[in-house]
Amino acid sequence: MWIPQEAGFEGPCSLKWMDLYGFLKMGAFSYAVSGHYNNVEIGRYTSIGDDVQMGRGDHSISWISTSPHFYLNEKLFDVGHDFAGAAEYDTFRPDTTGAQGFVMGSRITVGHDVWIGHRAYIRQGITIGTGAIIGAYAVVTRDVPPYAVMVGNPARAVRFRFPEPLVARLLASRWWTLAPWQLTGIDLSRPEVSIDALERRVAESEPFAPSVFRVTDLL
């Protein structure tokens, strides 16, 4: 697994068999199993399953061609020199004088306590709100509200995890600023019963300050 130099991680968190590109930030107590990640910021307590695709590159659809030969200012293939036109291919650069600026890899922002199921596809530039659930194989093409449950292709909200007043209190509490052991004694299986205790605990506690690891620290 290649890790970009700009990557930063709050400890503890976990990466496994991920293909990483561009920027990556992961919050404490989050994990991701496998897939493609390009310019992604992930909050705390977020769970990401197998083979999730986040930030796959788009192609220009308003130019003469959708081929990246014409909008990437670099060689697309490294195939040696044993073919017709090799010299011209090596020196070719597209004329993009009139371009408005084709953007590759816009930042994806994933909130706290998000669950993304196996083989979900998240388009670049998307924001996924705190507490949301992205179902397996879902194709997310628009921003996701906090605590929404999204399924399908294209993904749509089929319900919200909790009633709106409880969602508002959970978001306002910022409970994810605490470590798991700071929530000892609170019944997390019944949020509608425990929200008062959760709010008090957050108000009475110092936020957890995780160690932050950056790849550049090793260079």
C-alpha atoms as a PDB file:
ATOM      1  CA  MET A   1       0.000   0.000   0.000  1.00  0.00           C
ATOM      2  CA  TRP A   2       1.390   3.399  -1.029  1.00  0.00           C
ATOM      3  CA  ILE A   3       0.607   6.234   1.395  1.00  0.00           C
ATOM      4  CA  PRO A   4       0.717   9.823   0.085  1.00  0.00           C
ATOM      5  CA  GLN A   5       3.074  12.190   1.884  1.00  0.00           C
ATOM      6  CA  GLU A   6       0.192  14.558   2.683  1.00  0.00           C
ATOM      7  CA  ALA A   7      -1.665  11.846   4.630  1.00  0.00           C
ATOM      8  CA  GLY A   8      -2.405  12.353   8.315  1.00  0.00           C
ATOM      9  CA  PHE A   9      -3.941  10.026  10.892  1.00  0.00           C
ATOM     10  CA  GLU A  10      -5.287  10.368  14.430  1.00  0.00           C
ATOM     11  CA  GLY A  11      -4.392   7.399  16.583  1.00  0.00           C
ATOM     12  CA  PRO A  12      -5.779   4.863  16.922  1.00  0.00           C
ATOM     13  CA  CYS A  13      -7.209   4.164  13.462  1.00  0.00           C
ATOM     14  CA  SER A  14      -6.766   1.399  10.895  1.00  0.00           C
ATOM     15  CA  LEU A  15      -5.933   1.075   7.185  1.00  0.00           C
ATOM     16  CA  LYS A  16      -5.664  -2.249   5.396  1.00  0.00           C
ATOM     17  CA  TRP A  17      -5.594  -2.946   1.652  1.00  0.00           C
ATOM     18  CA  MET A  18      -6.412   0.539   0.381  1.00  0.00           C
ATOM     19  CA  ASP A  19      -5.202   2.203  -2.829  1.00  0.00           C
ATOM     20  CA  LEU A  20      -4.435   5.759  -1.713  1.00  0.00           C
ATOM     21  CA  TYR A  21      -3.944   8.830  -3.903  1.00  0.00           C
ATOM     22  CA  GLY A  22      -3.615  12.529  -3.237  1.00  0.00           C
ATOM     23  CA  PHE A  23      -4.709  13.704   0.199  1.00  0.00           C
ATOM     24  CA  LEU A  24      -5.968  11.429   2.978  1.00  0.00           C
ATOM     25  CA  LYS A  25      -6.918  12.260   6.560  1.00  0.00           C
ATOM     26  CA  MET A  26      -8.473   9.755   8.965  1.00  0.00           C
ATOM     27  CA  GLY A  27      -9.859  10.459  12.432  1.00  0.00           C
ATOM     28  CA  ALA A  28      -9.410   8.420  15.588  1.00  0.00           C
ATOM     29  CA  PHE A  29     -11.352   5.155  16.017  1.00  0.00           C
ATOM     30  CA  SER A  30     -12.108   4.956  12.269  1.00  0.00           C
ATOM     31  CA  TYR A  31     -11.136   2.178   9.881  1.00  0.00           C
ATOM     32  CA  ALA A  32     -11.258   1.301   6.199  1.00  0.00           C
ATOM     33  CA  VAL A  33     -10.724  -2.161   4.725  1.00  0.00           C
ATOM     34  CA  SER A  34     -10.001  -1.896   1.002  1.00  0.00           C
ATOM     35  CA  GLY A  35     -10.745   0.064  -2.145  1.00  0.00           C
ATOM     36  CA  HIS A  36      -9.725   3.275  -3.919  1.00  0.00           C
ATOM     37  CA  TYR A  37      -9.352   6.561  -2.005  1.00  0.00           C
ATOM     38  CA  ASN A  38      -8.471   9.810  -3.777  1.00  0.00           C
ATOM     39  CA  ASN A  39      -8.444  13.091  -1.803  1.00  0.00           C
ATOM     40  CA  VAL A  40     -10.570  12.009   1.152  1.00  0.00           C
ATOM     41  CA  GLU A  41     -11.020  13.407   4.664  1.00  0.00           C
ATOM     42  CA  ILE A  42     -12.625  10.966   7.134  1.00  0.00           C
ATOM     43  CA  GLY A  43     -13.919  11.840  10.608  1.00  0.00           C
ATOM     44  CA  ARG A  44     -13.864   9.812  13.816  1.00  0.00           C
ATOM     45  CA  TYR A  45     -15.688   6.522  14.528  1.00  0.00           C
ATOM     46  CA  THR A  46     -16.286   5.908  10.815  1.00  0.00           C
ATOM     47  CA  SER A  47     -16.472   2.346   9.448  1.00  0.00           C
ATOM     48  CA  ILE A  48     -15.737   1.624   5.779  1.00  0.00           C
ATOM     49  CA  GLY A  49     -16.129  -1.836   4.230  1.00  0.00           C
ATOM     50  CA  ASP A  50     -14.448  -3.771   1.426  1.00  0.00           C
ATOM     51  CA  ASP A  51     -13.722  -2.446  -2.057  1.00  0.00           C
ATOM     52  CA  VAL A  52     -15.233   1.013  -1.523  1.00  0.00           C
ATOM     53  CA  GLN A  53     -14.486   3.465  -4.361  1.00  0.00           C
ATOM     54  CA  MET A  54     -14.050   7.087  -3.298  1.00  0.00           C
ATOM     55  CA  GLY A  55     -12.996   9.839  -5.692  1.00  0.00           C
ATOM     56  CA  ARG A  56     -12.500   7.910  -8.929  1.00  0.00           C
ATOM     57  CA  GLY A  57     -11.531  10.396 -11.640  1.00  0.00           C
ATOM     58  CA  ASP A  58     -14.185  11.937 -13.868  1.00  0.00           C
ATOM     59  CA  HIS A  59     -13.761  12.555 -17.591  1.00  0.00           C
ATOM     60  CA  SER A  60     -14.573  15.791 -19.359  1.00  0.00           C
ATOM     61  CA  ILE A  61     -17.918  15.421 -21.136  1.00  0.00           C
ATOM     62  CA  SER A  62     -18.091  18.873 -22.773  1.00  0.00           C
ATOM     63  CA  TRP A  63     -14.812  18.675 -24.722  1.00  0.00           C
ATOM     64  CA  ILE A  64     -14.411  17.143 -28.196  1.00  0.00           C
ATOM     65  CA  SER A  65     -13.237  13.904 -26.595  1.00  0.00           C
ATOM     66  CA  THR A  66     -13.725  12.300 -23.184  1.00  0.00           C
ATOM     67  CA  SER A  67     -10.243  10.723 -23.446  1.00  0.00           C
ATOM     68  CA  PRO A  68      -7.696  11.919 -20.857  1.00  0.00           C
ATOM     69  CA  HIS A  69      -5.144  12.111 -23.697  1.00  0.00           C
ATOM     70  CA  PHE A  70      -6.596  15.592 -24.282  1.00  0.00           C
ATOM     71  CA  TYR A  71      -7.007  16.983 -20.771  1.00  0.00           C
ATOM     72  CA  LEU A  72      -4.087  15.479 -18.841  1.00  0.00           C
ATOM     73  CA  ASN A  73      -0.901  17.395 -19.484  1.00  0.00           C
ATOM     74  CA  GLU A  74       1.175  14.204 -19.266  1.00  0.00           C
ATOM     75  CA  LYS A  75       1.674  10.882 -21.022  1.00  0.00           C
ATOM     76  CA  LEU A  76      -1.178   8.521 -20.297  1.00  0.00           C
ATOM     77  CA  PHE A  77       0.773   5.346 -21.146  1.00  0.00           C
ATOM     78  CA  ASP A  78       4.348   4.323 -20.443  1.00  0.00           C
ATOM     79  CA  VAL A  79       4.718   1.763 -23.212  1.00  0.00           C
ATOM     80  CA  GLY A  80       8.245   2.238 -24.507  1.00  0.00           C
ATOM     81  CA  HIS A  81       9.142   3.396 -28.024  1.00  0.00           C
ATOM     82  CA  ASP A  82       8.472   0.388 -30.279  1.00  0.00           C
ATOM     83  CA  PHE A  83       5.338   1.625 -32.039  1.00  0.00           C
ATOM     84  CA  ALA A  84       4.417   3.937 -34.887  1.00  0.00           C
ATOM     85  CA  GLY A  85       4.327   7.568 -33.774  1.00  0.00           C
ATOM     86  CA  ALA A  86       6.274   6.932 -30.556  1.00  0.00           C
ATOM     87  CA  ALA A  87       8.393  10.094 -30.859  1.00  0.00           C
ATOM     88  CA  GLU A  88       5.351  12.255 -31.508  1.00  0.00           C
ATOM     89  CA  TYR A  89       3.466  10.585 -28.675  1.00  0.00           C
ATOM     90  CA  ASP A  90       6.257  11.314 -26.198  1.00  0.00           C
ATOM     91  CA  THR A  91       6.327  15.019 -27.025  1.00  0.00           C
ATOM     92  CA  PHE A  92       2.594  15.650 -27.518  1.00  0.00           C
ATOM     93  CA  ARG A  93       0.870  18.029 -25.131  1.00  0.00           C
ATOM     94  CA  PRO A  94      -2.780  19.032 -25.664  1.00  0.00           C
ATOM     95  CA  ASP A  95      -3.848  22.586 -26.486  1.00  0.00           C
ATOM     96  CA  THR A  96      -6.135  23.567 -23.620  1.00  0.00           C
ATOM     97  CA  THR A  97      -5.954  27.335 -24.103  1.00  0.00           C
ATOM     98  CA  GLY A  98      -9.710  27.832 -23.837  1.00  0.00           C
ATOM     99  CA  ALA A  99     -10.257  25.424 -20.942  1.00  0.00           C
ATOM    100  CA  GLN A 100     -12.124  26.567 -17.858  1.00  0.00           C
ATOM    101  CA  GLY A 101     -10.004  24.272 -15.730  1.00  0.00           C
ATOM    102  CA  PHE A 102     -10.819  20.607 -15.614  1.00  0.00           C
ATOM    103  CA  VAL A 103     -10.693  19.471 -11.971  1.00  0.00           C
ATOM    104  CA  MET A 104      -9.429  16.011 -11.072  1.00  0.00           C
ATOM    105  CA  GLY A 105     -10.030  14.564  -7.629  1.00  0.00           C
ATOM    106  CA  SER A 106     -12.150  17.154  -5.790  1.00  0.00           C
ATOM    107  CA  ARG A 107     -12.077  16.569  -2.023  1.00  0.00           C
ATOM    108  CA  ILE A 108     -14.518  14.075  -0.468  1.00  0.00           C
ATOM    109  CA  THR A 109     -15.474  14.816   3.140  1.00  0.00           C
ATOM    110  CA  VAL A 110     -16.823  12.002   5.320  1.00  0.00           C
ATOM    111  CA  GLY A 111     -18.213  13.001   8.712  1.00  0.00           C
ATOM    112  CA  HIS A 112     -18.054  11.238  12.069  1.00  0.00           C
ATOM    113  CA  ASP A 113     -19.808   7.944  12.877  1.00  0.00           C
ATOM    114  CA  VAL A 114     -20.458   7.179   9.197  1.00  0.00           C
ATOM    115  CA  TRP A 115     -20.905   3.579   8.030  1.00  0.00           C
ATOM    116  CA  ILE A 116     -20.108   2.874   4.360  1.00  0.00           C
ATOM    117  CA  GLY A 117     -20.994  -0.611   3.148  1.00  0.00           C
ATOM    118  CA  HIS A 118     -19.123  -2.943   0.818  1.00  0.00           C
ATOM    119  CA  ARG A 119     -18.476  -1.759  -2.734  1.00  0.00           C
ATOM    120  CA  ALA A 120     -20.161   1.605  -2.360  1.00  0.00           C
ATOM    121  CA  TYR A 121     -19.124   4.240  -4.913  1.00  0.00           C
ATOM    122  CA  ILE A 122     -18.678   7.857  -3.728  1.00  0.00           C
ATOM    123  CA  ARG A 123     -18.257  10.442  -6.467  1.00  0.00           C
ATOM    124  CA  GLN A 124     -15.532  13.048  -6.034  1.00  0.00           C
ATOM    125  CA  GLY A 125     -16.491  16.316  -4.310  1.00  0.00           C
ATOM    126  CA  ILE A 126     -19.196  14.668  -2.158  1.00  0.00           C
ATOM    127  CA  THR A 127     -19.815  15.501   1.514  1.00  0.00           C
ATOM    128  CA  ILE A 128     -21.285  12.731   3.694  1.00  0.00           C
ATOM    129  CA  GLY A 129     -22.843  14.072   6.876  1.00  0.00           C
ATOM    130  CA  THR A 130     -22.121  12.770  10.357  1.00  0.00           C
ATOM    131  CA  GLY A 131     -24.077   9.669  11.351  1.00  0.00           C
ATOM    132  CA  ALA A 132     -25.034   8.711   7.792  1.00  0.00           C
ATOM    133  CA  ILE A 133     -25.179   5.149   6.462  1.00  0.00           C
ATOM    134  CA  ILE A 134     -24.251   4.308   2.855  1.00  0.00           C
ATOM    135  CA  GLY A 135     -25.594   0.899   1.864  1.00  0.00           C
ATOM    136  CA  ALA A 136     -23.586  -1.777   0.087  1.00  0.00           C
ATOM    137  CA  TYR A 137     -23.210  -1.125  -3.663  1.00  0.00           C
ATOM    138  CA  ALA A 138     -24.801   2.336  -3.341  1.00  0.00           C
ATOM    139  CA  VAL A 139     -23.702   4.971  -5.875  1.00  0.00           C
ATOM    140  CA  VAL A 140     -23.517   8.358  -4.162  1.00  0.00           C
ATOM    141  CA  THR A 141     -23.691  11.286  -6.590  1.00  0.00           C
ATOM    142  CA  ARG A 142     -24.976  14.023  -4.242  1.00  0.00           C
ATOM    143  CA  ASP A 143     -24.194  15.274  -0.758  1.00  0.00           C
ATOM    144  CA  VAL A 144     -25.653  13.149   2.049  1.00  0.00           C
ATOM    145  CA  PRO A 145     -27.468  14.737   5.029  1.00  0.00           C
ATOM    146  CA  PRO A 146     -26.461  13.784   8.586  1.00  0.00           C
ATOM    147  CA  TYR A 147     -27.961  10.499   9.835  1.00  0.00           C
ATOM    148  CA  ALA A 148     -29.530   9.657   6.458  1.00  0.00           C
ATOM    149  CA  VAL A 149     -29.684   6.017   5.330  1.00  0.00           C
ATOM    150  CA  MET A 150     -28.760   5.908   1.621  1.00  0.00           C
ATOM    151  CA  VAL A 151     -29.277   2.974  -0.751  1.00  0.00           C
ATOM    152  CA  GLY A 152     -29.460   2.323  -4.486  1.00  0.00           C
ATOM    153  CA  ASN A 153     -28.085   3.647  -7.761  1.00  0.00           C
ATOM    154  CA  PRO A 154     -28.223   6.580  -7.679  1.00  0.00           C
ATOM    155  CA  ALA A 155     -28.327   6.531  -3.875  1.00  0.00           C
ATOM    156  CA  ARG A 156     -31.423   7.975  -2.234  1.00  0.00           C
ATOM    157  CA  ALA A 157     -32.376   8.524   1.389  1.00  0.00           C
ATOM    158  CA  VAL A 158     -34.854   5.849   2.478  1.00  0.00           C
ATOM    159  CA  ARG A 159     -35.062   7.033   6.074  1.00  0.00           C
ATOM    160  CA  PHE A 160     -33.134   8.725   8.861  1.00  0.00           C
ATOM    161  CA  ARG A 161     -31.619   6.826  11.748  1.00  0.00           C
ATOM    162  CA  PHE A 162     -33.405   8.877  14.421  1.00  0.00           C
ATOM    163  CA  PRO A 163     -36.168  11.488  14.707  1.00  0.00           C
ATOM    164  CA  GLU A 164     -35.119  15.021  13.805  1.00  0.00           C
ATOM    165  CA  PRO A 165     -35.012  16.380  17.400  1.00  0.00           C
ATOM    166  CA  LEU A 166     -32.688  13.553  18.475  1.00  0.00           C
ATOM    167  CA  VAL A 167     -30.478  14.047  15.418  1.00  0.00           C
ATOM    168  CA  ALA A 168     -30.152  17.736  16.296  1.00  0.00           C
ATOM    169  CA  ARG A 169     -29.126  16.925  19.876  1.00  0.00           C
ATOM    170  CA  LEU A 170     -26.605  14.299  18.805  1.00  0.00           C
ATOM    171  CA  LEU A 171     -24.993  16.701  16.354  1.00  0.00           C
ATOM    172  CA  ALA A 172     -24.938  19.511  18.906  1.00  0.00           C
ATOM    173  CA  SER A 173     -23.411  17.248  21.565  1.00  0.00           C
ATOM    174  CA  ARG A 174     -20.308  16.506  19.447  1.00  0.00           C
ATOM    175  CA  TRP A 175     -19.969  13.248  21.384  1.00  0.00           C
ATOM    176  CA  TRP A 176     -17.283  12.016  18.962  1.00  0.00           C
ATOM    177  CA  THR A 177     -14.832  14.436  20.583  1.00  0.00           C
ATOM    178  CA  LEU A 178     -14.610  11.887  23.419  1.00  0.00           C
ATOM    179  CA  ALA A 179     -12.820   8.530  23.435  1.00  0.00           C
ATOM    180  CA  PRO A 180     -14.842   5.327  23.986  1.00  0.00           C
ATOM    181  CA  TRP A 181     -13.667   4.949  27.583  1.00  0.00           C
ATOM    182  CA  GLN A 182     -14.918   8.461  28.351  1.00  0.00           C
ATOM    183  CA  LEU A 183     -18.453   7.201  27.640  1.00  0.00           C
ATOM    184  CA  THR A 184     -18.290   4.395  30.222  1.00  0.00           C
ATOM    185  CA  GLY A 185     -21.588   3.936  32.074  1.00  0.00           C
ATOM    186  CA  ILE A 186     -23.780   5.448  29.332  1.00  0.00           C
ATOM    187  CA  ASP A 187     -26.152   3.008  27.608  1.00  0.00           C
ATOM    188  CA  LEU A 188     -25.205   3.685  23.978  1.00  0.00           C
ATOM    189  CA  SER A 189     -27.757   1.148  22.731  1.00  0.00           C
ATOM    190  CA  ARG A 190     -30.646   3.466  23.635  1.00  0.00           C
ATOM    191  CA  PRO A 191     -29.804   6.971  22.426  1.00  0.00           C
ATOM    192  CA  GLU A 192     -33.312   8.314  23.064  1.00  0.00           C
ATOM    193  CA  VAL A 193     -32.956   7.324  26.737  1.00  0.00           C
ATOM    194  CA  SER A 194     -29.284   8.242  27.171  1.00  0.00           C
ATOM    195  CA  ILE A 195     -29.091  11.567  25.330  1.00  0.00           C
ATOM    196  CA  ASP A 196     -29.335  13.608  28.537  1.00  0.00           C
ATOM    197  CA  ALA A 197     -26.490  11.651  30.156  1.00  0.00           C
ATOM    198  CA  LEU A 198     -24.463  11.877  26.932  1.00  0.00           C
ATOM    199  CA  GLU A 199     -24.824  15.651  26.791  1.00  0.00           C
ATOM    200  CA  ARG A 200     -23.813  15.969  30.451  1.00  0.00           C
ATOM    201  CA  ARG A 201     -20.789  13.721  29.953  1.00  0.00           C
ATOM    202  CA  VAL A 202     -19.543  15.769  27.018  1.00  0.00           C
ATOM    203  CA  ALA A 203     -20.051  19.008  28.952  1.00  0.00           C
ATOM    204  CA  GLU A 204     -18.133  17.665  31.948  1.00  0.00           C
ATOM    205  CA  SER A 205     -15.246  16.038  30.026  1.00  0.00           C
ATOM    206  CA  GLU A 206     -12.083  17.243  28.363  1.00  0.00           C
ATOM    207  CA  PRO A 207     -12.107  16.362  24.644  1.00  0.00           C
ATOM    208  CA  PHE A 208      -9.883  13.443  23.719  1.00  0.00           C
ATOM    209  CA  ALA A 209      -6.615  14.702  22.202  1.00  0.00           C
ATOM    210  CA  PRO A 210      -5.262  11.904  19.980  1.00  0.00           C
ATOM    211  CA  SER A 211      -1.731  11.563  18.757  1.00  0.00           C
ATOM    212  CA  VAL A 212      -1.478  12.726  15.158  1.00  0.00           C
ATOM    213  CA  PHE A 213       0.743  10.814  12.722  1.00  0.00           C
ATOM    214  CA  ARG A 214       1.848  12.301   9.403  1.00  0.00           C
ATOM    215  CA  VAL A 215       3.829  10.516   6.740  1.00  0.00           C
ATOM    216  CA  THR A 216       6.037  13.587   6.316  1.00  0.00           C
ATOM    217  CA  ASP A 217       7.223  13.145   9.913  1.00  0.00           C
ATOM    218  CA  LEU A 218       9.190  10.092   8.745  1.00  0.00           C
ATOM    219  CA  LEU A 219      10.829  11.768   5.760  1.00  0.00           C
END
